Amino acid sequence: MKLLKKIGLTLLGLVILLAVGSLFISSKLRVERSIEVAAPAGTAFEQVNTLRNWERWSPWHGIDPHMLLTYSGPDGGAGASYNWFSKHPDVGDGEFKIVKTEPYKLIDAEMKFGPSNTATTTYTFDETAGGTRITWAMESELGMNPVNKYFGLLFLDKYVGADFERGLNNIKQIVEAQPAAQQNDHAGHGH
């Protein structure tokens, strides 16, 4: 009986320790990845800004190429959006909407995963000596739930970050494979 009481008290102490510890974990999670591509900022920008291009490079489209997509608003820029519907557990349903753009420099967007998970997403395009550095960042509010905070801290950066890396590598392959004349069509615009 004493052993069971010790085990019970130890488990209770651990739960209390984890709950108190979660108070020191930020309720905001930021995932960020970058890549440099040998292409002008305009060429890289258009891959993200034109939503129908996502079918070619998005890491989630590669997981479920049969997902249902619906587009609304303009083809790209502020107000462009699409919804996705997938039965694959790693993709699910969601919505992506561009809320602000600065041509060839910045895209701000909102993403909704399922009925309640929302994140803000930012893509920046910085010219470098070798082309363009693309940075893909996402911020999400985890709330005060200790389980959500620990899950975010321990797993989300690893898994979402890996998806971002796949997507950025896909963009790199696409823009670097474009003929130089096509890349130059976007170069210098908006600067």
C-alpha atoms as a PDB file:
ATOM      1  CA  MET A   1       0.000   0.000   0.000  1.00  0.00           C
ATOM      2  CA  LYS A   2       2.867   2.393   0.825  1.00  0.00           C
ATOM      3  CA  LEU A   3       4.341   1.760  -2.635  1.00  0.00           C
ATOM      4  CA  LEU A   4       1.074   2.706  -4.351  1.00  0.00           C
ATOM      5  CA  LYS A   5       0.836   5.853  -2.235  1.00  0.00           C
ATOM      6  CA  LYS A   6       4.440   6.809  -3.162  1.00  0.00           C
ATOM      7  CA  ILE A   7       3.731   6.214  -6.854  1.00  0.00           C
ATOM      8  CA  GLY A   8       0.519   8.254  -6.645  1.00  0.00           C
ATOM      9  CA  LEU A   9       2.207  11.148  -4.871  1.00  0.00           C
ATOM     10  CA  THR A  10       5.121  11.065  -7.309  1.00  0.00           C
ATOM     11  CA  LEU A  11       2.737  11.198 -10.290  1.00  0.00           C
ATOM     12  CA  LEU A  12       0.741  14.030  -8.701  1.00  0.00           C
ATOM     13  CA  GLY A  13       3.961  15.943  -8.025  1.00  0.00           C
ATOM     14  CA  LEU A  14       5.075  15.445 -11.620  1.00  0.00           C
ATOM     15  CA  VAL A  15       1.741  16.697 -13.000  1.00  0.00           C
ATOM     16  CA  ILE A  16       1.907  19.783 -10.758  1.00  0.00           C
ATOM     17  CA  LEU A  17       5.534  20.411 -11.766  1.00  0.00           C
ATOM     18  CA  LEU A  18       4.678  20.151 -15.479  1.00  0.00           C
ATOM     19  CA  ALA A  19       1.638  22.433 -15.069  1.00  0.00           C
ATOM     20  CA  VAL A  20       3.686  25.071 -13.225  1.00  0.00           C
ATOM     21  CA  GLY A  21       6.539  24.678 -15.721  1.00  0.00           C
ATOM     22  CA  SER A  22       4.153  25.342 -18.616  1.00  0.00           C
ATOM     23  CA  LEU A  23       3.502  28.824 -17.199  1.00  0.00           C
ATOM     24  CA  PHE A  24       7.068  29.694 -18.235  1.00  0.00           C
ATOM     25  CA  ILE A  25       6.581  28.466 -21.816  1.00  0.00           C
ATOM     26  CA  SER A  26       5.394  31.089 -24.276  1.00  0.00           C
ATOM     27  CA  SER A  27       1.871  30.617 -25.577  1.00  0.00           C
ATOM     28  CA  LYS A  28       3.117  31.762 -28.996  1.00  0.00           C
ATOM     29  CA  LEU A  29       5.016  29.409 -31.260  1.00  0.00           C
ATOM     30  CA  ARG A  30       7.182  30.621 -34.138  1.00  0.00           C
ATOM     31  CA  VAL A  31       8.509  28.297 -36.820  1.00  0.00           C
ATOM     32  CA  GLU A  32      10.914  29.770 -39.380  1.00  0.00           C
ATOM     33  CA  ARG A  33      13.043  28.407 -42.198  1.00  0.00           C
ATOM     34  CA  SER A  34      15.048  30.100 -44.979  1.00  0.00           C
ATOM     35  CA  ILE A  35      16.718  29.165 -48.228  1.00  0.00           C
ATOM     36  CA  GLU A  36      18.737  31.004 -50.848  1.00  0.00           C
ATOM     37  CA  VAL A  37      17.738  30.586 -54.477  1.00  0.00           C
ATOM     38  CA  ALA A  38      19.684  31.573 -57.583  1.00  0.00           C
ATOM     39  CA  ALA A  39      16.837  33.654 -59.012  1.00  0.00           C
ATOM     40  CA  PRO A  40      15.579  37.240 -58.771  1.00  0.00           C
ATOM     41  CA  ALA A  41      13.239  38.165 -55.912  1.00  0.00           C
ATOM     42  CA  GLY A  42      10.362  38.690 -58.368  1.00  0.00           C
ATOM     43  CA  THR A  43      10.571  35.130 -59.653  1.00  0.00           C
ATOM     44  CA  ALA A  44      10.581  33.665 -56.141  1.00  0.00           C
ATOM     45  CA  PHE A  45       7.828  36.047 -55.002  1.00  0.00           C
ATOM     46  CA  GLU A  46       5.477  34.979 -57.814  1.00  0.00           C
ATOM     47  CA  GLN A  47       5.758  31.306 -56.807  1.00  0.00           C
ATOM     48  CA  VAL A  48       4.183  32.140 -53.446  1.00  0.00           C
ATOM     49  CA  ASN A  49       1.987  35.103 -54.406  1.00  0.00           C
ATOM     50  CA  THR A  50       0.160  33.215 -57.193  1.00  0.00           C
ATOM     51  CA  LEU A  51      -1.800  30.612 -55.246  1.00  0.00           C
ATOM     52  CA  ARG A  52      -2.296  28.154 -58.111  1.00  0.00           C
ATOM     53  CA  ASN A  53       1.514  27.731 -58.152  1.00  0.00           C
ATOM     54  CA  TRP A  54       1.274  26.092 -54.726  1.00  0.00           C
ATOM     55  CA  GLU A  55       0.122  22.838 -56.315  1.00  0.00           C
ATOM     56  CA  ARG A  56       3.659  22.529 -57.722  1.00  0.00           C
ATOM     57  CA  TRP A  57       5.686  23.259 -54.583  1.00  0.00           C
ATOM     58  CA  SER A  58       3.595  23.038 -51.390  1.00  0.00           C
ATOM     59  CA  PRO A  59       4.827  20.223 -49.132  1.00  0.00           C
ATOM     60  CA  TRP A  60       1.239  19.348 -48.230  1.00  0.00           C
ATOM     61  CA  HIS A  61       0.161  18.911 -51.855  1.00  0.00           C
ATOM     62  CA  GLY A  62       2.878  16.292 -52.148  1.00  0.00           C
ATOM     63  CA  ILE A  63       1.442  14.390 -49.173  1.00  0.00           C
ATOM     64  CA  ASP A  64      -2.071  14.297 -50.673  1.00  0.00           C
ATOM     65  CA  PRO A  65      -2.091  15.093 -54.395  1.00  0.00           C
ATOM     66  CA  HIS A  66      -5.815  14.235 -54.465  1.00  0.00           C
ATOM     67  CA  MET A  67      -6.903  16.916 -52.001  1.00  0.00           C
ATOM     68  CA  LEU A  68      -9.803  19.094 -53.130  1.00  0.00           C
ATOM     69  CA  LEU A  69      -8.884  22.755 -53.680  1.00  0.00           C
ATOM     70  CA  THR A  70     -11.209  25.737 -54.112  1.00  0.00           C
ATOM     71  CA  TYR A  71      -9.877  29.194 -54.995  1.00  0.00           C
ATOM     72  CA  SER A  72     -11.529  32.571 -54.441  1.00  0.00           C
ATOM     73  CA  GLY A  73     -10.622  36.209 -54.976  1.00  0.00           C
ATOM     74  CA  PRO A  74      -7.830  37.297 -57.302  1.00  0.00           C
ATOM     75  CA  ASP A  75      -5.161  34.852 -58.538  1.00  0.00           C
ATOM     76  CA  GLY A  76      -2.600  36.413 -56.226  1.00  0.00           C
ATOM     77  CA  GLY A  77      -1.961  39.272 -53.855  1.00  0.00           C
ATOM     78  CA  ALA A  78      -4.142  40.628 -51.059  1.00  0.00           C
ATOM     79  CA  GLY A  79      -7.532  38.901 -50.999  1.00  0.00           C
ATOM     80  CA  ALA A  80      -6.418  35.765 -52.838  1.00  0.00           C
ATOM     81  CA  SER A  81      -7.399  32.635 -50.961  1.00  0.00           C
ATOM     82  CA  TYR A  82      -7.901  28.932 -51.240  1.00  0.00           C
ATOM     83  CA  ASN A  83      -9.413  26.186 -49.155  1.00  0.00           C
ATOM     84  CA  TRP A  84      -8.201  22.609 -49.065  1.00  0.00           C
ATOM     85  CA  PHE A  85     -10.028  19.458 -48.068  1.00  0.00           C
ATOM     86  CA  SER A  86      -8.139  16.242 -47.433  1.00  0.00           C
ATOM     87  CA  LYS A  87      -8.908  12.953 -45.741  1.00  0.00           C
ATOM     88  CA  HIS A  88      -5.187  12.430 -45.099  1.00  0.00           C
ATOM     89  CA  PRO A  89      -4.499  12.893 -41.336  1.00  0.00           C
ATOM     90  CA  ASP A  90      -1.284  14.846 -41.986  1.00  0.00           C
ATOM     91  CA  VAL A  91      -3.097  17.385 -44.181  1.00  0.00           C
ATOM     92  CA  GLY A  92      -6.721  17.784 -43.034  1.00  0.00           C
ATOM     93  CA  ASP A  93      -8.867  20.747 -44.031  1.00  0.00           C
ATOM     94  CA  GLY A  94      -7.952  24.399 -43.974  1.00  0.00           C
ATOM     95  CA  GLU A  95      -7.851  27.834 -45.519  1.00  0.00           C
ATOM     96  CA  PHE A  96      -5.050  30.124 -46.686  1.00  0.00           C
ATOM     97  CA  LYS A  97      -5.620  33.816 -47.378  1.00  0.00           C
ATOM     98  CA  ILE A  98      -3.143  36.514 -48.400  1.00  0.00           C
ATOM     99  CA  VAL A  99      -3.842  39.644 -46.372  1.00  0.00           C
ATOM    100  CA  LYS A 100      -0.976  41.934 -47.457  1.00  0.00           C
ATOM    101  CA  THR A 101       1.811  42.046 -50.016  1.00  0.00           C
ATOM    102  CA  GLU A 102       4.747  44.269 -50.806  1.00  0.00           C
ATOM    103  CA  PRO A 103       5.709  43.219 -54.338  1.00  0.00           C
ATOM    104  CA  TYR A 104       8.908  41.170 -54.444  1.00  0.00           C
ATOM    105  CA  LYS A 105       9.572  41.748 -50.728  1.00  0.00           C
ATOM    106  CA  LEU A 106       6.814  40.439 -48.413  1.00  0.00           C
ATOM    107  CA  ILE A 107       3.629  38.364 -48.247  1.00  0.00           C
ATOM    108  CA  ASP A 108       1.537  38.229 -45.053  1.00  0.00           C
ATOM    109  CA  ALA A 109      -1.162  35.570 -44.830  1.00  0.00           C
ATOM    110  CA  GLU A 110      -3.517  33.795 -42.466  1.00  0.00           C
ATOM    111  CA  MET A 111      -3.844  30.019 -42.286  1.00  0.00           C
ATOM    112  CA  LYS A 112      -6.638  28.104 -40.619  1.00  0.00           C
ATOM    113  CA  PHE A 113      -6.236  24.406 -39.907  1.00  0.00           C
ATOM    114  CA  GLY A 114      -9.503  22.682 -39.153  1.00  0.00           C
ATOM    115  CA  PRO A 115     -12.177  24.495 -37.197  1.00  0.00           C
ATOM    116  CA  SER A 116     -10.054  26.240 -34.552  1.00  0.00           C
ATOM    117  CA  ASN A 117      -6.295  26.374 -35.231  1.00  0.00           C
ATOM    118  CA  THR A 118      -5.151  29.666 -36.746  1.00  0.00           C
ATOM    119  CA  ALA A 119      -1.703  30.938 -37.646  1.00  0.00           C
ATOM    120  CA  THR A 120      -0.176  33.967 -39.303  1.00  0.00           C
ATOM    121  CA  THR A 121       2.350  33.282 -42.008  1.00  0.00           C
ATOM    122  CA  THR A 122       4.968  35.601 -43.481  1.00  0.00           C
ATOM    123  CA  TYR A 123       7.174  35.140 -46.527  1.00  0.00           C
ATOM    124  CA  THR A 124      10.047  37.562 -47.057  1.00  0.00           C
ATOM    125  CA  PHE A 125      12.215  37.880 -50.150  1.00  0.00           C
ATOM    126  CA  ASP A 126      15.615  39.513 -49.640  1.00  0.00           C
ATOM    127  CA  GLU A 127      18.001  40.035 -52.535  1.00  0.00           C
ATOM    128  CA  THR A 128      21.461  38.579 -52.003  1.00  0.00           C
ATOM    129  CA  ALA A 129      24.642  38.508 -54.088  1.00  0.00           C
ATOM    130  CA  GLY A 130      23.660  35.047 -55.353  1.00  0.00           C
ATOM    131  CA  GLY A 131      19.926  35.640 -55.878  1.00  0.00           C
ATOM    132  CA  THR A 132      17.221  35.761 -53.209  1.00  0.00           C
ATOM    133  CA  ARG A 133      16.856  34.580 -49.624  1.00  0.00           C
ATOM    134  CA  ILE A 134      13.292  33.347 -49.020  1.00  0.00           C
ATOM    135  CA  THR A 135      12.181  33.151 -45.398  1.00  0.00           C
ATOM    136  CA  TRP A 136       8.958  31.330 -44.477  1.00  0.00           C
ATOM    137  CA  ALA A 137       7.730  31.995 -40.932  1.00  0.00           C
ATOM    138  CA  MET A 138       4.579  31.021 -39.064  1.00  0.00           C
ATOM    139  CA  GLU A 139       3.303  32.181 -35.693  1.00  0.00           C
ATOM    140  CA  SER A 140       0.577  30.362 -33.845  1.00  0.00           C
ATOM    141  CA  GLU A 141      -1.170  30.983 -30.523  1.00  0.00           C
ATOM    142  CA  LEU A 142      -1.118  27.835 -28.390  1.00  0.00           C
ATOM    143  CA  GLY A 143      -3.232  29.190 -25.542  1.00  0.00           C
ATOM    144  CA  MET A 144      -2.657  28.381 -21.892  1.00  0.00           C
ATOM    145  CA  ASN A 145      -3.304  24.631 -22.101  1.00  0.00           C
ATOM    146  CA  PRO A 146      -0.103  22.964 -20.778  1.00  0.00           C
ATOM    147  CA  VAL A 147      -0.473  20.008 -23.164  1.00  0.00           C
ATOM    148  CA  ASN A 148      -0.640  22.345 -26.194  1.00  0.00           C
ATOM    149  CA  LYS A 149       2.384  24.292 -24.965  1.00  0.00           C
ATOM    150  CA  TYR A 150       4.558  21.204 -24.440  1.00  0.00           C
ATOM    151  CA  PHE A 151       3.399  19.692 -27.747  1.00  0.00           C
ATOM    152  CA  GLY A 152       4.250  22.929 -29.546  1.00  0.00           C
ATOM    153  CA  LEU A 153       7.606  23.235 -27.834  1.00  0.00           C
ATOM    154  CA  LEU A 154       8.661  19.633 -28.401  1.00  0.00           C
ATOM    155  CA  PHE A 155       7.136  18.712 -31.764  1.00  0.00           C
ATOM    156  CA  LEU A 156       5.676  21.515 -33.893  1.00  0.00           C
ATOM    157  CA  ASP A 157       8.927  23.229 -34.845  1.00  0.00           C
ATOM    158  CA  LYS A 158      10.442  19.898 -35.822  1.00  0.00           C
ATOM    159  CA  TYR A 159       7.535  18.702 -37.971  1.00  0.00           C
ATOM    160  CA  VAL A 160       6.245  21.992 -39.400  1.00  0.00           C
ATOM    161  CA  GLY A 161       9.837  23.135 -39.935  1.00  0.00           C
ATOM    162  CA  ALA A 162      10.528  19.990 -41.965  1.00  0.00           C
ATOM    163  CA  ASP A 163       7.458  20.779 -44.113  1.00  0.00           C
ATOM    164  CA  PHE A 164       8.709  24.340 -44.635  1.00  0.00           C
ATOM    165  CA  GLU A 165      12.119  23.019 -45.667  1.00  0.00           C
ATOM    166  CA  ARG A 166      10.534  20.687 -48.246  1.00  0.00           C
ATOM    167  CA  GLY A 167       8.401  23.529 -49.615  1.00  0.00           C
ATOM    168  CA  LEU A 168      11.345  25.932 -49.852  1.00  0.00           C
ATOM    169  CA  ASN A 169      13.476  23.298 -51.588  1.00  0.00           C
ATOM    170  CA  ASN A 170      10.623  22.725 -54.058  1.00  0.00           C
ATOM    171  CA  ILE A 171      10.458  26.468 -54.787  1.00  0.00           C
ATOM    172  CA  LYS A 172      14.236  26.510 -55.260  1.00  0.00           C
ATOM    173  CA  GLN A 173      14.056  23.704 -57.829  1.00  0.00           C
ATOM    174  CA  ILE A 174      11.206  25.400 -59.714  1.00  0.00           C
ATOM    175  CA  VAL A 175      12.668  28.919 -59.902  1.00  0.00           C
ATOM    176  CA  GLU A 176      16.192  27.779 -60.670  1.00  0.00           C
ATOM    177  CA  ALA A 177      14.897  25.569 -63.508  1.00  0.00           C
ATOM    178  CA  GLN A 178      13.179  28.518 -65.213  1.00  0.00           C
ATOM    179  CA  PRO A 179      14.993  29.973 -68.234  1.00  0.00           C
ATOM    180  CA  ALA A 180      16.942  33.148 -67.483  1.00  0.00           C
ATOM    181  CA  ALA A 181      14.694  35.207 -69.795  1.00  0.00           C
ATOM    182  CA  GLN A 182      11.621  34.159 -67.792  1.00  0.00           C
ATOM    183  CA  GLN A 183      13.386  34.982 -64.523  1.00  0.00           C
ATOM    184  CA  ASN A 184      14.360  38.410 -65.857  1.00  0.00           C
ATOM    185  CA  ASP A 185      10.683  39.197 -66.566  1.00  0.00           C
ATOM    186  CA  HIS A 186      10.276  39.557 -62.790  1.00  0.00           C
ATOM    187  CA  ALA A 187      13.676  41.102 -62.023  1.00  0.00           C
ATOM    188  CA  GLY A 188      13.718  44.753 -61.113  1.00  0.00           C
ATOM    189  CA  HIS A 189       9.947  45.126 -60.747  1.00  0.00           C
ATOM    190  CA  GLY A 190       8.867  46.928 -57.641  1.00  0.00           C
ATOM    191  CA  HIS A 191      12.382  48.091 -56.717  1.00  0.00           C
END
